[in-house]
């Protein structure tokens, strides 16, 4: 199966990646030794990192709180005028 076929059935996203010269050289060396593309090695490394290091509930809560605080004006506008002043919206924003 091709490398592209291994990706999820959805569209593949491209991400520009900047590496220090030493890290790039190691990636190129491993690519040659393992006979895998650099792209495959980076993708596998990301998967292994995400599988190993899980986001905790407290980290997730902190991120949601930060987003609610930083984007409270946008969130209120998205909620629309009919919900802008509801108790639920006020409660979410007060916790931020």
C-alpha atoms as a PDB file:
ATOM      1  CA  UNK A   1       0.000   0.000   0.000  1.00  0.00           C
ATOM      2  CA  UNK A   2       1.322   3.453  -0.801  1.00  0.00           C
ATOM      3  CA  UNK A   3       2.330   5.903   1.899  1.00  0.00           C
ATOM      4  CA  UNK A   4      -0.665   8.071   1.054  1.00  0.00           C
ATOM      5  CA  UNK A   5      -2.959   5.040   1.362  1.00  0.00           C
ATOM      6  CA  UNK A   6      -1.840   4.602   4.975  1.00  0.00           C
ATOM      7  CA  UNK A   7      -3.244   7.997   5.901  1.00  0.00           C
ATOM      8  CA  UNK A   8      -6.794   8.333   7.118  1.00  0.00           C
ATOM      9  CA  UNK A   9      -9.489   8.373   4.476  1.00  0.00           C
ATOM     10  CA  UNK A  10      -9.782  12.161   4.861  1.00  0.00           C
ATOM     11  CA  UNK A  11      -7.592  14.737   3.193  1.00  0.00           C
ATOM     12  CA  UNK A  12      -3.948  14.834   4.192  1.00  0.00           C
ATOM     13  CA  UNK A  13      -2.817  18.134   5.729  1.00  0.00           C
ATOM     14  CA  UNK A  14       0.602  19.620   5.090  1.00  0.00           C
ATOM     15  CA  UNK A  15       2.570  21.172   7.936  1.00  0.00           C
ATOM     16  CA  UNK A  16       5.742  23.169   7.363  1.00  0.00           C
ATOM     17  CA  UNK A  17       8.429  21.810   9.657  1.00  0.00           C
ATOM     18  CA  UNK A  18      11.578  23.645  10.710  1.00  0.00           C
ATOM     19  CA  UNK A  19      14.420  21.600  12.160  1.00  0.00           C
ATOM     20  CA  UNK A  20      17.816  22.450  13.526  1.00  0.00           C
ATOM     21  CA  UNK A  21      20.569  21.237  11.167  1.00  0.00           C
ATOM     22  CA  UNK A  22      21.629  18.461  13.561  1.00  0.00           C
ATOM     23  CA  UNK A  23      18.084  17.125  13.856  1.00  0.00           C
ATOM     24  CA  UNK A  24      17.633  17.278  10.088  1.00  0.00           C
ATOM     25  CA  UNK A  25      20.869  15.341   9.569  1.00  0.00           C
ATOM     26  CA  UNK A  26      19.715  12.650  12.021  1.00  0.00           C
ATOM     27  CA  UNK A  27      16.355  12.443  10.245  1.00  0.00           C
ATOM     28  CA  UNK A  28      18.051  12.116   6.859  1.00  0.00           C
ATOM     29  CA  UNK A  29      20.421   9.431   8.230  1.00  0.00           C
ATOM     30  CA  UNK A  30      17.540   7.405   9.696  1.00  0.00           C
ATOM     31  CA  UNK A  31      15.575   7.801   6.494  1.00  0.00           C
ATOM     32  CA  UNK A  32      18.434   6.243   4.549  1.00  0.00           C
ATOM     33  CA  UNK A  33      19.124   3.488   7.080  1.00  0.00           C
ATOM     34  CA  UNK A  34      15.475   2.524   7.641  1.00  0.00           C
ATOM     35  CA  UNK A  35      14.575   3.015   3.978  1.00  0.00           C
ATOM     36  CA  UNK A  36      11.591   5.139   4.963  1.00  0.00           C
ATOM     37  CA  UNK A  37      10.726   8.634   3.858  1.00  0.00           C
ATOM     38  CA  UNK A  38      11.478  11.460   6.247  1.00  0.00           C
ATOM     39  CA  UNK A  39       7.749  12.189   6.242  1.00  0.00           C
ATOM     40  CA  UNK A  40       6.976   8.647   7.461  1.00  0.00           C
ATOM     41  CA  UNK A  41       9.568   8.857  10.232  1.00  0.00           C
ATOM     42  CA  UNK A  42       8.207  12.201  11.471  1.00  0.00           C
ATOM     43  CA  UNK A  43       4.625  10.910  11.336  1.00  0.00           C
ATOM     44  CA  UNK A  44       5.564   7.743  13.271  1.00  0.00           C
ATOM     45  CA  UNK A  45       7.444   9.813  15.858  1.00  0.00           C
ATOM     46  CA  UNK A  46       4.411  12.054  16.369  1.00  0.00           C
ATOM     47  CA  UNK A  47       2.110   9.053  16.754  1.00  0.00           C
ATOM     48  CA  UNK A  48       4.466   7.471  19.297  1.00  0.00           C
ATOM     49  CA  UNK A  49       4.703  10.746  21.234  1.00  0.00           C
ATOM     50  CA  UNK A  50       0.923  11.206  21.304  1.00  0.00           C
ATOM     51  CA  UNK A  51       0.406   7.583  22.360  1.00  0.00           C
ATOM     52  CA  UNK A  52       2.977   7.899  25.147  1.00  0.00           C
ATOM     53  CA  UNK A  53       2.216  11.373  26.493  1.00  0.00           C
ATOM     54  CA  UNK A  54      -1.491  11.772  27.187  1.00  0.00           C
ATOM     55  CA  UNK A  55      -3.292  15.035  27.873  1.00  0.00           C
ATOM     56  CA  UNK A  56      -4.547  15.042  31.457  1.00  0.00           C
ATOM     57  CA  UNK A  57      -8.000  16.224  32.488  1.00  0.00           C
ATOM     58  CA  UNK A  58      -6.438  19.162  34.307  1.00  0.00           C
ATOM     59  CA  UNK A  59      -4.484  20.189  31.176  1.00  0.00           C
ATOM     60  CA  UNK A  60      -7.652  19.944  29.094  1.00  0.00           C
ATOM     61  CA  UNK A  61      -9.617  21.957  31.652  1.00  0.00           C
ATOM     62  CA  UNK A  62      -6.890  24.614  31.735  1.00  0.00           C
ATOM     63  CA  UNK A  63      -6.927  24.868  27.922  1.00  0.00           C
ATOM     64  CA  UNK A  64     -10.723  25.204  27.811  1.00  0.00           C
ATOM     65  CA  UNK A  65     -10.639  27.825  30.554  1.00  0.00           C
ATOM     66  CA  UNK A  66      -7.907  29.780  28.745  1.00  0.00           C
ATOM     67  CA  UNK A  67      -9.846  29.680  25.462  1.00  0.00           C
ATOM     68  CA  UNK A  68     -13.066  30.754  27.193  1.00  0.00           C
ATOM     69  CA  UNK A  69     -11.232  33.657  28.857  1.00  0.00           C
ATOM     70  CA  UNK A  70      -9.187  34.746  25.843  1.00  0.00           C
ATOM     71  CA  UNK A  71     -12.034  34.390  23.361  1.00  0.00           C
ATOM     72  CA  UNK A  72     -15.003  35.350  25.541  1.00  0.00           C
ATOM     73  CA  UNK A  73     -16.057  38.161  23.202  1.00  0.00           C
ATOM     74  CA  UNK A  74     -15.966  35.885  20.160  1.00  0.00           C
ATOM     75  CA  UNK A  75     -17.811  33.124  22.012  1.00  0.00           C
ATOM     76  CA  UNK A  76     -20.537  35.557  23.076  1.00  0.00           C
ATOM     77  CA  UNK A  77     -20.974  36.731  19.473  1.00  0.00           C
ATOM     78  CA  UNK A  78     -21.105  33.149  18.216  1.00  0.00           C
ATOM     79  CA  UNK A  79     -23.760  32.339  20.789  1.00  0.00           C
ATOM     80  CA  UNK A  80     -25.917  35.061  19.266  1.00  0.00           C
ATOM     81  CA  UNK A  81     -27.974  37.800  20.855  1.00  0.00           C
ATOM     82  CA  UNK A  82     -30.686  35.441  22.085  1.00  0.00           C
ATOM     83  CA  UNK A  83     -28.210  33.531  24.274  1.00  0.00           C
ATOM     84  CA  UNK A  84     -25.681  36.252  24.970  1.00  0.00           C
ATOM     85  CA  UNK A  85     -26.987  37.026  28.439  1.00  0.00           C
ATOM     86  CA  UNK A  86     -28.181  33.611  29.520  1.00  0.00           C
ATOM     87  CA  UNK A  87     -27.194  32.256  32.882  1.00  0.00           C
ATOM     88  CA  UNK A  88     -25.323  29.412  31.176  1.00  0.00           C
ATOM     89  CA  UNK A  89     -23.122  31.814  29.183  1.00  0.00           C
ATOM     90  CA  UNK A  90     -22.483  33.911  32.272  1.00  0.00           C
ATOM     91  CA  UNK A  91     -21.519  30.822  34.252  1.00  0.00           C
ATOM     92  CA  UNK A  92     -19.032  29.651  31.599  1.00  0.00           C
ATOM     93  CA  UNK A  93     -17.457  33.059  31.275  1.00  0.00           C
ATOM     94  CA  UNK A  94     -17.282  33.595  35.039  1.00  0.00           C
ATOM     95  CA  UNK A  95     -15.289  30.372  35.427  1.00  0.00           C
ATOM     96  CA  UNK A  96     -12.725  31.619  32.913  1.00  0.00           C
END
